[in-house]
Amino acid sequence: MTKEFARTLRKNLTDAEQKLWRRLRRRQLHRHKFRRQFPMGAFVLDFVCLERKLIVELDGGQHASESKYDAARTLWLKEQGYSVLRFWNNQVFQEMEAVLEKIGVALSFHPPPPPSPTRGEGI
């Protein structure tokens, strides 16, 4: 069910999600690939860079009353090895360059995983 739900969310992005997605898609930010509305476990993530294990979540007004849920969700994601950045929707509309800068800094703090050994290497 999560995959279908994620597909529905991708077709119905909020205005803030659409605006940020226009700047993250097609490797526009430091050549890193982001995915939108990506299912992980029981959750659907707003944006994720799998290579750098970085999640970007956008919060609207409804999230003020969901702080316990968001905290539990963030804890689970961190236990999976991911870092989570949260921004309010109004930050995307009013401070887009600052949002992108914070995401860029976070990307630089997460080095890519080492390459897989080639066949026969390490034996």
PDB file of N, CA and C in Angstrom:
ATOM      1  N   MET A   1       0.814  -1.198   0.000  1.00  0.00           N
ATOM      2  CA  MET A   1       0.000   0.000   0.000  1.00  0.00           C
ATOM      3  C   MET A   1       0.859   1.265   0.000  1.00  0.00           C
ATOM      4  N   THR A   2       1.993   1.246   0.636  1.00  0.00           N
ATOM      5  CA  THR A   2       2.825   2.438   0.708  1.00  0.00           C
ATOM      6  C   THR A   2       3.270   2.887  -0.675  1.00  0.00           C
ATOM      7  N   LYS A   3       3.576   1.942  -1.575  1.00  0.00           N
ATOM      8  CA  LYS A   3       4.013   2.328  -2.920  1.00  0.00           C
ATOM      9  C   LYS A   3       2.913   3.060  -3.672  1.00  0.00           C
ATOM     10  N   GLU A   4       1.669   2.559  -3.559  1.00  0.00           N
ATOM     11  CA  GLU A   4       0.560   3.232  -4.239  1.00  0.00           C
ATOM     12  C   GLU A   4       0.313   4.605  -3.627  1.00  0.00           C
ATOM     13  N   PHE A   5       0.416   4.679  -2.293  1.00  0.00           N
ATOM     14  CA  PHE A   5       0.227   5.949  -1.604  1.00  0.00           C
ATOM     15  C   PHE A   5       1.296   6.948  -2.043  1.00  0.00           C
ATOM     16  N   ALA A   6       2.545   6.491  -2.134  1.00  0.00           N
ATOM     17  CA  ALA A   6       3.643   7.354  -2.580  1.00  0.00           C
ATOM     18  C   ALA A   6       3.383   7.849  -3.999  1.00  0.00           C
ATOM     19  N   ARG A   7       2.897   6.965  -4.865  1.00  0.00           N
ATOM     20  CA  ARG A   7       2.597   7.345  -6.251  1.00  0.00           C
ATOM     21  C   ARG A   7       1.523   8.434  -6.273  1.00  0.00           C
ATOM     22  N   THR A   8       0.508   8.284  -5.435  1.00  0.00           N
ATOM     23  CA  THR A   8      -0.552   9.292  -5.346  1.00  0.00           C
ATOM     24  C   THR A   8       0.007  10.621  -4.863  1.00  0.00           C
ATOM     25  N   LEU A   9       0.880  10.566  -3.847  1.00  0.00           N
ATOM     26  CA  LEU A   9       1.482  11.797  -3.334  1.00  0.00           C
ATOM     27  C   LEU A   9       2.349  12.472  -4.390  1.00  0.00           C
ATOM     28  N   ARG A  10       3.064  11.699  -5.188  1.00  0.00           N
ATOM     29  CA  ARG A  10       3.899  12.285  -6.244  1.00  0.00           C
ATOM     30  C   ARG A  10       3.050  13.053  -7.255  1.00  0.00           C
ATOM     31  N   LYS A  11       1.849  12.573  -7.492  1.00  0.00           N
ATOM     32  CA  LYS A  11       0.960  13.239  -8.449  1.00  0.00           C
ATOM     33  C   LYS A  11       0.281  14.466  -7.848  1.00  0.00           C
ATOM     34  N   ASN A  12       0.335  14.578  -6.512  1.00  0.00           N
ATOM     35  CA  ASN A  12      -0.382  15.657  -5.824  1.00  0.00           C
ATOM     36  C   ASN A  12       0.537  16.407  -4.865  1.00  0.00           C
ATOM     37  N   LEU A  13       1.695  16.838  -5.346  1.00  0.00           N
ATOM     38  CA  LEU A  13       2.623  17.567  -4.494  1.00  0.00           C
ATOM     39  C   LEU A  13       2.002  18.873  -4.015  1.00  0.00           C
ATOM     40  N   THR A  14       2.370  19.278  -2.793  1.00  0.00           N
ATOM     41  CA  THR A  14       1.940  20.592  -2.317  1.00  0.00           C
ATOM     42  C   THR A  14       2.700  21.656  -3.104  1.00  0.00           C
ATOM     43  N   ASP A  15       2.262  22.904  -2.994  1.00  0.00           N
ATOM     44  CA  ASP A  15       2.944  23.985  -3.704  1.00  0.00           C
ATOM     45  C   ASP A  15       4.400  24.085  -3.259  1.00  0.00           C
ATOM     46  N   ALA A  16       4.655  23.947  -1.960  1.00  0.00           N
ATOM     47  CA  ALA A  16       6.030  24.024  -1.452  1.00  0.00           C
ATOM     48  C   ALA A  16       6.868  22.863  -1.986  1.00  0.00           C
ATOM     49  N   GLU A  17       6.300  21.663  -2.009  1.00  0.00           N
ATOM     50  CA  GLU A  17       7.026  20.503  -2.539  1.00  0.00           C
ATOM     51  C   GLU A  17       7.347  20.692  -4.020  1.00  0.00           C
ATOM     52  N   GLN A  18       6.391  21.215  -4.785  1.00  0.00           N
ATOM     53  CA  GLN A  18       6.633  21.461  -6.209  1.00  0.00           C
ATOM     54  C   GLN A  18       7.776  22.453  -6.403  1.00  0.00           C
ATOM     55  N   LYS A  19       7.768  23.507  -5.608  1.00  0.00           N
ATOM     56  CA  LYS A  19       8.796  24.549  -5.743  1.00  0.00           C
ATOM     57  C   LYS A  19      10.178  23.989  -5.409  1.00  0.00           C
ATOM     58  N   LEU A  20      10.301  23.225  -4.320  1.00  0.00           N
ATOM     59  CA  LEU A  20      11.593  22.654  -3.967  1.00  0.00           C
ATOM     60  C   LEU A  20      12.005  21.580  -4.967  1.00  0.00           C
ATOM     61  N   TRP A  21      11.059  20.769  -5.417  1.00  0.00           N
ATOM     62  CA  TRP A  21      11.379  19.707  -6.374  1.00  0.00           C
ATOM     63  C   TRP A  21      11.970  20.281  -7.663  1.00  0.00           C
ATOM     64  N   ARG A  22      11.457  21.430  -8.095  1.00  0.00           N
ATOM     65  CA  ARG A  22      12.007  22.061  -9.299  1.00  0.00           C
ATOM     66  C   ARG A  22      13.495  22.370  -9.155  1.00  0.00           C
ATOM     67  N   ARG A  23      13.954  22.558  -7.921  1.00  0.00           N
ATOM     68  CA  ARG A  23      15.374  22.887  -7.686  1.00  0.00           C
ATOM     69  C   ARG A  23      16.229  21.666  -7.354  1.00  0.00           C
ATOM     70  N   LEU A  24      15.589  20.553  -6.950  1.00  0.00           N
ATOM     71  CA  LEU A  24      16.338  19.346  -6.587  1.00  0.00           C
ATOM     72  C   LEU A  24      16.414  18.335  -7.722  1.00  0.00           C
ATOM     73  N   ARG A  25      15.429  18.340  -8.589  1.00  0.00           N
ATOM     74  CA  ARG A  25      15.365  17.311  -9.633  1.00  0.00           C
ATOM     75  C   ARG A  25      16.494  17.448 -10.634  1.00  0.00           C
ATOM     76  N   ARG A  26      16.711  16.382 -11.363  1.00  0.00           N
ATOM     77  CA  ARG A  26      17.718  16.335 -12.432  1.00  0.00           C
ATOM     78  C   ARG A  26      19.120  16.711 -11.954  1.00  0.00           C
ATOM     79  N   ARG A  27      19.438  16.296 -10.737  1.00  0.00           N
ATOM     80  CA  ARG A  27      20.787  16.489 -10.169  1.00  0.00           C
ATOM     81  C   ARG A  27      21.246  17.945 -10.187  1.00  0.00           C
ATOM     82  N   GLN A  28      20.310  18.861  -9.993  1.00  0.00           N
ATOM     83  CA  GLN A  28      20.651  20.279 -10.043  1.00  0.00           C
ATOM     84  C   GLN A  28      21.447  20.748  -8.827  1.00  0.00           C
ATOM     85  N   LEU A  29      21.289  20.073  -7.688  1.00  0.00           N
ATOM     86  CA  LEU A  29      21.977  20.508  -6.476  1.00  0.00           C
ATOM     87  C   LEU A  29      23.224  19.657  -6.275  1.00  0.00           C
ATOM     88  N   HIS A  30      24.360  20.206  -6.593  1.00  0.00           N
ATOM     89  CA  HIS A  30      25.661  19.535  -6.427  1.00  0.00           C
ATOM     90  C   HIS A  30      25.701  18.163  -7.103  1.00  0.00           C
ATOM     91  N   ARG A  31      24.920  18.008  -8.163  1.00  0.00           N
ATOM     92  CA  ARG A  31      24.905  16.780  -8.969  1.00  0.00           C
ATOM     93  C   ARG A  31      24.443  15.544  -8.187  1.00  0.00           C
ATOM     94  N   HIS A  32      23.651  15.745  -7.133  1.00  0.00           N
ATOM     95  CA  HIS A  32      23.132  14.622  -6.350  1.00  0.00           C
ATOM     96  C   HIS A  32      21.711  14.309  -6.775  1.00  0.00           C
ATOM     97  N   LYS A  33      21.422  13.023  -6.852  1.00  0.00           N
ATOM     98  CA  LYS A  33      20.085  12.579  -7.260  1.00  0.00           C
ATOM     99  C   LYS A  33      19.160  12.531  -6.051  1.00  0.00           C
ATOM    100  N   PHE A  34      18.037  13.208  -6.180  1.00  0.00           N
ATOM    101  CA  PHE A  34      16.991  13.168  -5.158  1.00  0.00           C
ATOM    102  C   PHE A  34      15.781  12.437  -5.718  1.00  0.00           C
ATOM    103  N   ARG A  35      15.076  11.787  -4.850  1.00  0.00           N
ATOM    104  CA  ARG A  35      13.794  11.174  -5.190  1.00  0.00           C
ATOM    105  C   ARG A  35      12.725  11.870  -4.365  1.00  0.00           C
ATOM    106  N   ARG A  36      11.529  11.927  -4.909  1.00  0.00           N
ATOM    107  CA  ARG A  36      10.432  12.581  -4.180  1.00  0.00           C
ATOM    108  C   ARG A  36       9.390  11.558  -3.783  1.00  0.00           C
ATOM    109  N   GLN A  37       8.746  11.822  -2.669  1.00  0.00           N
ATOM    110  CA  GLN A  37       7.683  10.947  -2.155  1.00  0.00           C
ATOM    111  C   GLN A  37       8.121   9.488  -2.241  1.00  0.00           C
ATOM    112  N   PHE A  38       9.200   9.190  -1.561  1.00  0.00           N
ATOM    113  CA  PHE A  38       9.853   7.888  -1.640  1.00  0.00           C
ATOM    114  C   PHE A  38       9.444   7.024  -0.440  1.00  0.00           C
ATOM    115  N   PRO A  39       8.897   5.824  -0.670  1.00  0.00           N
ATOM    116  CA  PRO A  39       8.510   4.964   0.454  1.00  0.00           C
ATOM    117  C   PRO A  39       9.726   4.343   1.135  1.00  0.00           C
ATOM    118  N   MET A  40       9.722   4.386   2.475  1.00  0.00           N
ATOM    119  CA  MET A  40      10.767   3.751   3.263  1.00  0.00           C
ATOM    120  C   MET A  40      10.121   3.242   4.548  1.00  0.00           C
ATOM    121  N   GLY A  41      10.173   1.927   4.732  1.00  0.00           N
ATOM    122  CA  GLY A  41       9.492   1.348   5.886  1.00  0.00           C
ATOM    123  C   GLY A  41       8.010   1.666   5.803  1.00  0.00           C
ATOM    124  N   ALA A  42       7.470   2.157   6.904  1.00  0.00           N
ATOM    125  CA  ALA A  42       6.052   2.507   6.947  1.00  0.00           C
ATOM    126  C   ALA A  42       5.806   3.960   6.553  1.00  0.00           C
ATOM    127  N   PHE A  43       6.849   4.645   6.101  1.00  0.00           N
ATOM    128  CA  PHE A  43       6.755   6.077   5.834  1.00  0.00           C
ATOM    129  C   PHE A  43       6.938   6.389   4.354  1.00  0.00           C
ATOM    130  N   VAL A  44       6.484   7.587   3.977  1.00  0.00           N
ATOM    131  CA  VAL A  44       6.766   8.137   2.662  1.00  0.00           C
ATOM    132  C   VAL A  44       7.529   9.429   2.908  1.00  0.00           C
ATOM    133  N   LEU A  45       8.747   9.490   2.382  1.00  0.00           N
ATOM    134  CA  LEU A  45       9.634  10.630   2.593  1.00  0.00           C
ATOM    135  C   LEU A  45       9.380  11.679   1.536  1.00  0.00           C
ATOM    136  N   ASP A  46       9.414  12.946   1.919  1.00  0.00           N
ATOM    137  CA  ASP A  46       9.204  14.009   0.941  1.00  0.00           C
ATOM    138  C   ASP A  46      10.288  13.962  -0.130  1.00  0.00           C
ATOM    139  N   PHE A  47      11.554  14.048   0.304  1.00  0.00           N
ATOM    140  CA  PHE A  47      12.683  14.000  -0.625  1.00  0.00           C
ATOM    141  C   PHE A  47      13.810  13.221   0.035  1.00  0.00           C
ATOM    142  N   VAL A  48      14.538  12.437  -0.759  1.00  0.00           N
ATOM    143  CA  VAL A  48      15.673  11.692  -0.212  1.00  0.00           C
ATOM    144  C   VAL A  48      16.775  11.591  -1.251  1.00  0.00           C
ATOM    145  N   CYS A  49      18.003  11.759  -0.773  1.00  0.00           N
ATOM    146  CA  CYS A  49      19.182  11.469  -1.575  1.00  0.00           C
ATOM    147  C   CYS A  49      19.731  10.172  -0.991  1.00  0.00           C
ATOM    148  N   LEU A  50      19.481   9.066  -1.667  1.00  0.00           N
ATOM    149  CA  LEU A  50      19.872   7.756  -1.157  1.00  0.00           C
ATOM    150  C   LEU A  50      21.389   7.631  -1.059  1.00  0.00           C
ATOM    151  N   GLU A  51      22.093   8.183  -2.024  1.00  0.00           N
ATOM    152  CA  GLU A  51      23.549   8.093  -2.061  1.00  0.00           C
ATOM    153  C   GLU A  51      24.177   8.707  -0.809  1.00  0.00           C
ATOM    154  N   ARG A  52      23.628   9.828  -0.353  1.00  0.00           N
ATOM    155  CA  ARG A  52      24.174  10.532   0.810  1.00  0.00           C
ATOM    156  C   ARG A  52      23.376  10.291   2.091  1.00  0.00           C
ATOM    157  N   LYS A  53      22.339   9.466   1.983  1.00  0.00           N
ATOM    158  CA  LYS A  53      21.492   9.128   3.135  1.00  0.00           C
ATOM    159  C   LYS A  53      20.963  10.389   3.819  1.00  0.00           C
ATOM    160  N   LEU A  54      20.435  11.283   2.991  1.00  0.00           N
ATOM    161  CA  LEU A  54      19.901  12.544   3.472  1.00  0.00           C
ATOM    162  C   LEU A  54      18.435  12.662   3.089  1.00  0.00           C
ATOM    163  N   ILE A  55      17.623  12.967   4.072  1.00  0.00           N
ATOM    164  CA  ILE A  55      16.186  13.131   3.874  1.00  0.00           C
ATOM    165  C   ILE A  55      15.834  14.594   4.116  1.00  0.00           C
ATOM    166  N   VAL A  56      14.997  15.145   3.241  1.00  0.00           N
ATOM    167  CA  VAL A  56      14.503  16.508   3.397  1.00  0.00           C
ATOM    168  C   VAL A  56      12.990  16.427   3.531  1.00  0.00           C
ATOM    169  N   GLU A  57      12.496  16.945   4.637  1.00  0.00           N
ATOM    170  CA  GLU A  57      11.055  16.942   4.910  1.00  0.00           C
ATOM    171  C   GLU A  57      10.552  18.372   4.942  1.00  0.00           C
ATOM    172  N   LEU A  58       9.390  18.606   4.349  1.00  0.00           N
ATOM    173  CA  LEU A  58       8.734  19.902   4.404  1.00  0.00           C
ATOM    174  C   LEU A  58       7.517  19.790   5.308  1.00  0.00           C
ATOM    175  N   ASP A  59       7.396  20.756   6.204  1.00  0.00           N
ATOM    176  CA  ASP A  59       6.306  20.735   7.167  1.00  0.00           C
ATOM    177  C   ASP A  59       5.394  21.926   6.963  1.00  0.00           C
ATOM    178  N   GLY A  60       4.103  21.629   6.911  1.00  0.00           N
ATOM    179  CA  GLY A  60       3.099  22.676   6.849  1.00  0.00           C
ATOM    180  C   GLY A  60       2.515  22.900   8.230  1.00  0.00           C
ATOM    181  N   GLY A  61       1.452  23.658   8.299  1.00  0.00           N
ATOM    182  CA  GLY A  61       0.824  23.986   9.579  1.00  0.00           C
ATOM    183  C   GLY A  61       0.354  22.777  10.371  1.00  0.00           C
ATOM    184  N   GLN A  62      -0.025  21.687   9.684  1.00  0.00           N
ATOM    185  CA  GLN A  62      -0.532  20.504  10.381  1.00  0.00           C
ATOM    186  C   GLN A  62       0.548  19.840  11.223  1.00  0.00           C
ATOM    187  N   HIS A  63       1.818  20.077  10.915  1.00  0.00           N
ATOM    188  CA  HIS A  63       2.903  19.407  11.625  1.00  0.00           C
ATOM    189  C   HIS A  63       3.110  19.962  13.026  1.00  0.00           C
ATOM    190  N   ALA A  64       2.588  21.149  13.300  1.00  0.00           N
ATOM    191  CA  ALA A  64       2.717  21.708  14.647  1.00  0.00           C
ATOM    192  C   ALA A  64       2.019  20.818  15.662  1.00  0.00           C
ATOM    193  N   SER A  65       0.944  20.161  15.250  1.00  0.00           N
ATOM    194  CA  SER A  65       0.207  19.277  16.158  1.00  0.00           C
ATOM    195  C   SER A  65       0.677  17.832  16.068  1.00  0.00           C
ATOM    196  N   GLU A  66       1.633  17.537  15.196  1.00  0.00           N
ATOM    197  CA  GLU A  66       2.124  16.173  15.004  1.00  0.00           C
ATOM    198  C   GLU A  66       3.580  16.026  15.434  1.00  0.00           C
ATOM    199  N   SER A  67       4.015  16.837  16.395  1.00  0.00           N
ATOM    200  CA  SER A  67       5.430  16.853  16.752  1.00  0.00           C
ATOM    201  C   SER A  67       5.899  15.521  17.342  1.00  0.00           C
ATOM    202  N   LYS A  68       5.056  14.831  18.097  1.00  0.00           N
ATOM    203  CA  LYS A  68       5.458  13.531  18.660  1.00  0.00           C
ATOM    204  C   LYS A  68       5.618  12.496  17.550  1.00  0.00           C
ATOM    205  N   TYR A  69       4.702  12.480  16.600  1.00  0.00           N
ATOM    206  CA  TYR A  69       4.794  11.556  15.465  1.00  0.00           C
ATOM    207  C   TYR A  69       6.053  11.848  14.658  1.00  0.00           C
ATOM    208  N   ASP A  70       6.301  13.137  14.371  1.00  0.00           N
ATOM    209  CA  ASP A  70       7.477  13.523  13.584  1.00  0.00           C
ATOM    210  C   ASP A  70       8.763  13.147  14.313  1.00  0.00           C
ATOM    211  N   ALA A  71       8.791  13.307  15.641  1.00  0.00           N
ATOM    212  CA  ALA A  71       9.985  12.962  16.410  1.00  0.00           C
ATOM    213  C   ALA A  71      10.249  11.457  16.361  1.00  0.00           C
ATOM    214  N   ALA A  72       9.198  10.649  16.486  1.00  0.00           N
ATOM    215  CA  ALA A  72       9.351   9.190  16.425  1.00  0.00           C
ATOM    216  C   ALA A  72       9.786   8.763  15.027  1.00  0.00           C
ATOM    217  N   ARG A  73       9.223   9.368  14.043  1.00  0.00           N
ATOM    218  CA  ARG A  73       9.584   9.072  12.649  1.00  0.00           C
ATOM    219  C   ARG A  73      11.049   9.427  12.393  1.00  0.00           C
ATOM    220  N   THR A  74      11.459  10.605  12.833  1.00  0.00           N
ATOM    221  CA  THR A  74      12.850  11.041  12.653  1.00  0.00           C
ATOM    222  C   THR A  74      13.805  10.106  13.381  1.00  0.00           C
ATOM    223  N   LEU A  75      13.459   9.698  14.579  1.00  0.00           N
ATOM    224  CA  LEU A  75      14.305   8.766  15.331  1.00  0.00           C
ATOM    225  C   LEU A  75      14.478   7.467  14.556  1.00  0.00           C
ATOM    226  N   TRP A  76      13.396   6.904  14.020  1.00  0.00           N
ATOM    227  CA  TRP A  76      13.483   5.657  13.251  1.00  0.00           C
ATOM    228  C   TRP A  76      14.369   5.839  12.023  1.00  0.00           C
ATOM    229  N   LEU A  77      14.204   6.958  11.328  1.00  0.00           N
ATOM    230  CA  LEU A  77      15.006   7.205  10.125  1.00  0.00           C
ATOM    231  C   LEU A  77      16.480   7.343  10.478  1.00  0.00           C
ATOM    232  N   LYS A  78      16.781   7.990  11.592  1.00  0.00           N
ATOM    233  CA  LYS A  78      18.177   8.119  12.026  1.00  0.00           C
ATOM    234  C   LYS A  78      18.757   6.758  12.403  1.00  0.00           C
ATOM    235  N   GLU A  79      17.930   5.910  12.980  1.00  0.00           N
ATOM    236  CA  GLU A  79      18.381   4.552  13.305  1.00  0.00           C
ATOM    237  C   GLU A  79      18.717   3.763  12.044  1.00  0.00           C
ATOM    238  N   GLN A  80      18.142   4.145  10.925  1.00  0.00           N
ATOM    239  CA  GLN A  80      18.435   3.500   9.642  1.00  0.00           C
ATOM    240  C   GLN A  80      19.678   4.100   8.990  1.00  0.00           C
ATOM    241  N   GLY A  81      20.283   5.084   9.646  1.00  0.00           N
ATOM    242  CA  GLY A  81      21.511   5.693   9.136  1.00  0.00           C
ATOM    243  C   GLY A  81      21.308   6.964   8.334  1.00  0.00           C
ATOM    244  N   TYR A  82      20.106   7.522   8.351  1.00  0.00           N
ATOM    245  CA  TYR A  82      19.801   8.719   7.566  1.00  0.00           C
ATOM    246  C   TYR A  82      19.848   9.965   8.436  1.00  0.00           C
ATOM    247  N   SER A  83      20.213  11.067   7.820  1.00  0.00           N
ATOM    248  CA  SER A  83      20.079  12.383   8.452  1.00  0.00           C
ATOM    249  C   SER A  83      18.799  13.003   7.923  1.00  0.00           C
ATOM    250  N   VAL A  84      18.145  13.778   8.771  1.00  0.00           N
ATOM    251  CA  VAL A  84      16.868  14.375   8.391  1.00  0.00           C
ATOM    252  C   VAL A  84      16.937  15.886   8.569  1.00  0.00           C
ATOM    253  N   LEU A  85      16.630  16.606   7.507  1.00  0.00           N
ATOM    254  CA  LEU A  85      16.482  18.058   7.559  1.00  0.00           C
ATOM    255  C   LEU A  85      15.008  18.380   7.441  1.00  0.00           C
ATOM    256  N   ARG A  86      14.528  19.288   8.278  1.00  0.00           N
ATOM    257  CA  ARG A  86      13.130  19.709   8.228  1.00  0.00           C
ATOM    258  C   ARG A  86      13.069  21.208   7.966  1.00  0.00           C
ATOM    259  N   PHE A  87      12.177  21.574   7.069  1.00  0.00           N
ATOM    260  CA  PHE A  87      11.942  22.975   6.762  1.00  0.00           C
ATOM    261  C   PHE A  87      10.441  23.220   6.785  1.00  0.00           C
ATOM    262  N   TRP A  88      10.053  24.426   7.196  1.00  0.00           N
ATOM    263  CA  TRP A  88       8.657  24.825   7.100  1.00  0.00           C
ATOM    264  C   TRP A  88       8.377  25.232   5.653  1.00  0.00           C
ATOM    265  N   ASN A  89       7.162  25.022   5.226  1.00  0.00           N
ATOM    266  CA  ASN A  89       6.778  25.405   3.858  1.00  0.00           C
ATOM    267  C   ASN A  89       7.117  26.860   3.565  1.00  0.00           C
ATOM    268  N   ASN A  90       6.856  27.751   4.532  1.00  0.00           N
ATOM    269  CA  ASN A  90       7.105  29.174   4.277  1.00  0.00           C
ATOM    270  C   ASN A  90       8.591  29.456   4.050  1.00  0.00           C
ATOM    271  N   GLN A  91       9.497  28.624   4.593  1.00  0.00           N
ATOM    272  CA  GLN A  91      10.920  28.803   4.324  1.00  0.00           C
ATOM    273  C   GLN A  91      11.223  28.563   2.843  1.00  0.00           C
ATOM    274  N   VAL A  92      10.548  27.579   2.256  1.00  0.00           N
ATOM    275  CA  VAL A  92      10.747  27.294   0.828  1.00  0.00           C
ATOM    276  C   VAL A  92      10.288  28.486  -0.013  1.00  0.00           C
ATOM    277  N   PHE A  93       9.179  29.103   0.386  1.00  0.00           N
ATOM    278  CA  PHE A  93       8.653  30.229  -0.382  1.00  0.00           C
ATOM    279  C   PHE A  93       9.446  31.515  -0.162  1.00  0.00           C
ATOM    280  N   GLN A  94       9.933  31.732   1.051  1.00  0.00           N
ATOM    281  CA  GLN A  94      10.558  33.011   1.379  1.00  0.00           C
ATOM    282  C   GLN A  94      12.083  32.972   1.427  1.00  0.00           C
ATOM    283  N   GLU A  95      12.668  31.775   1.627  1.00  0.00           N
ATOM    284  CA  GLU A  95      14.119  31.682   1.829  1.00  0.00           C
ATOM    285  C   GLU A  95      14.713  30.517   1.035  1.00  0.00           C
ATOM    286  N   MET A  96      14.312  30.363  -0.212  1.00  0.00           N
ATOM    287  CA  MET A  96      14.714  29.200  -1.003  1.00  0.00           C
ATOM    288  C   MET A  96      16.237  29.035  -1.063  1.00  0.00           C
ATOM    289  N   GLU A  97      16.964  30.095  -1.296  1.00  0.00           N
ATOM    290  CA  GLU A  97      18.420  29.966  -1.419  1.00  0.00           C
ATOM    291  C   GLU A  97      19.034  29.491  -0.105  1.00  0.00           C
ATOM    292  N   ALA A  98      18.532  29.941   1.033  1.00  0.00           N
ATOM    293  CA  ALA A  98      19.033  29.490   2.336  1.00  0.00           C
ATOM    294  C   ALA A  98      18.709  28.013   2.551  1.00  0.00           C
ATOM    295  N   VAL A  99      17.529  27.590   2.132  1.00  0.00           N
ATOM    296  CA  VAL A  99      17.147  26.176   2.235  1.00  0.00           C
ATOM    297  C   VAL A  99      18.100  25.326   1.407  1.00  0.00           C
ATOM    298  N   LEU A 100      18.327  25.735   0.168  1.00  0.00           N
ATOM    299  CA  LEU A 100      19.229  24.982  -0.710  1.00  0.00           C
ATOM    300  C   LEU A 100      20.648  24.960  -0.165  1.00  0.00           C
ATOM    301  N   GLU A 101      21.076  26.049   0.434  1.00  0.00           N
ATOM    302  CA  GLU A 101      22.422  26.096   1.012  1.00  0.00           C
ATOM    303  C   GLU A 101      22.546  25.103   2.171  1.00  0.00           C
ATOM    304  N   LYS A 102      21.533  25.046   3.025  1.00  0.00           N
ATOM    305  CA  LYS A 102      21.563  24.094   4.148  1.00  0.00           C
ATOM    306  C   LYS A 102      21.568  22.649   3.654  1.00  0.00           C
ATOM    307  N   ILE A 103      20.803  22.378   2.612  1.00  0.00           N
ATOM    308  CA  ILE A 103      20.799  21.028   2.031  1.00  0.00           C
ATOM    309  C   ILE A 103      22.182  20.730   1.445  1.00  0.00           C
ATOM    310  N   GLY A 104      22.762  21.684   0.749  1.00  0.00           N
ATOM    311  CA  GLY A 104      24.085  21.497   0.166  1.00  0.00           C
ATOM    312  C   GLY A 104      25.147  21.223   1.214  1.00  0.00           C
ATOM    313  N   VAL A 105      25.097  21.937   2.328  1.00  0.00           N
ATOM    314  CA  VAL A 105      26.048  21.710   3.420  1.00  0.00           C
ATOM    315  C   VAL A 105      25.863  20.306   3.979  1.00  0.00           C
ATOM    316  N   ALA A 106      24.622  19.907   4.183  1.00  0.00           N
ATOM    317  CA  ALA A 106      24.349  18.564   4.708  1.00  0.00           C
ATOM    318  C   ALA A 106      24.849  17.488   3.754  1.00  0.00           C
ATOM    319  N   LEU A 107      24.713  17.704   2.460  1.00  0.00           N
ATOM    320  CA  LEU A 107      25.210  16.736   1.478  1.00  0.00           C
ATOM    321  C   LEU A 107      26.721  16.579   1.588  1.00  0.00           C
ATOM    322  N   SER A 108      27.413  17.662   1.863  1.00  0.00           N
ATOM    323  CA  SER A 108      28.873  17.599   1.938  1.00  0.00           C
ATOM    324  C   SER A 108      29.354  16.883   3.193  1.00  0.00           C
ATOM    325  N   PHE A 109      28.516  16.798   4.220  1.00  0.00           N
ATOM    326  CA  PHE A 109      28.899  16.114   5.452  1.00  0.00           C
ATOM    327  C   PHE A 109      28.676  14.616   5.393  1.00  0.00           C
ATOM    328  N   HIS A 110      28.049  14.149   4.336  1.00  0.00           N
ATOM    329  CA  HIS A 110      27.745  12.727   4.202  1.00  0.00           C
ATOM    330  C   HIS A 110      28.490  12.156   3.016  1.00  0.00           C
ATOM    331  N   PRO A 111      29.703  11.631   3.252  1.00  0.00           N
ATOM    332  CA  PRO A 111      30.447  11.072   2.125  1.00  0.00           C
ATOM    333  C   PRO A 111      29.737   9.860   1.546  1.00  0.00           C
ATOM    334  N   PRO A 112      29.909   9.631   0.262  1.00  0.00           N
ATOM    335  CA  PRO A 112      29.269   8.461  -0.353  1.00  0.00           C
ATOM    336  C   PRO A 112      29.880   7.185   0.219  1.00  0.00           C
ATOM    337  N   PRO A 113      29.122   6.105   0.181  1.00  0.00           N
ATOM    338  CA  PRO A 113      29.663   4.838   0.664  1.00  0.00           C
ATOM    339  C   PRO A 113      30.834   4.402  -0.209  1.00  0.00           C
ATOM    340  N   PRO A 114      31.741   3.603   0.358  1.00  0.00           N
ATOM    341  CA  PRO A 114      32.866   3.140  -0.455  1.00  0.00           C
ATOM    342  C   PRO A 114      32.356   2.251  -1.578  1.00  0.00           C
ATOM    343  N   PRO A 115      33.079   2.225  -2.705  1.00  0.00           N
ATOM    344  CA  PRO A 115      32.630   1.389  -3.816  1.00  0.00           C
ATOM    345  C   PRO A 115      32.717  -0.090  -3.445  1.00  0.00           C
ATOM    346  N   SER A 116      31.870  -0.872  -4.040  1.00  0.00           N
ATOM    347  CA  SER A 116      31.899  -2.312  -3.818  1.00  0.00           C
ATOM    348  C   SER A 116      33.209  -2.873  -4.373  1.00  0.00           C
ATOM    349  N   PRO A 117      33.793  -3.849  -3.701  1.00  0.00           N
ATOM    350  CA  PRO A 117      35.026  -4.426  -4.235  1.00  0.00           C
ATOM    351  C   PRO A 117      34.762  -5.084  -5.581  1.00  0.00           C
ATOM    352  N   THR A 118      35.732  -4.987  -6.457  1.00  0.00           N
ATOM    353  CA  THR A 118      35.588  -5.645  -7.749  1.00  0.00           C
ATOM    354  C   THR A 118      35.810  -7.144  -7.571  1.00  0.00           C
ATOM    355  N   ARG A 119      35.402  -7.868  -8.512  1.00  0.00           N
ATOM    356  CA  ARG A 119      35.485  -9.327  -8.452  1.00  0.00           C
ATOM    357  C   ARG A 119      36.920  -9.770  -8.164  1.00  0.00           C
ATOM    358  N   GLY A 120      37.080 -10.599  -7.143  1.00  0.00           N
ATOM    359  CA  GLY A 120      38.382 -11.163  -6.807  1.00  0.00           C
ATOM    360  C   GLY A 120      39.204 -10.279  -5.902  1.00  0.00           C
ATOM    361  N   GLU A 121      38.770  -9.049  -5.707  1.00  0.00           N
ATOM    362  CA  GLU A 121      39.525  -8.140  -4.862  1.00  0.00           C
ATOM    363  C   GLU A 121      39.313  -8.507  -3.390  1.00  0.00           C
ATOM    364  N   GLY A 122      40.341  -8.470  -2.605  1.00  0.00           N
ATOM    365  CA  GLY A 122      40.234  -8.740  -1.176  1.00  0.00           C
ATOM    366  C   GLY A 122      40.259 -10.205  -0.829  1.00  0.00           C
ATOM    367  N   ILE A 123      40.501 -11.082  -1.794  1.00  0.00           N
ATOM    368  CA  ILE A 123      40.532 -12.521  -1.523  1.00  0.00           C
ATOM    369  C   ILE A 123      41.946 -12.958  -1.305  1.00  0.00           C
TER     370      ILE A 123
END
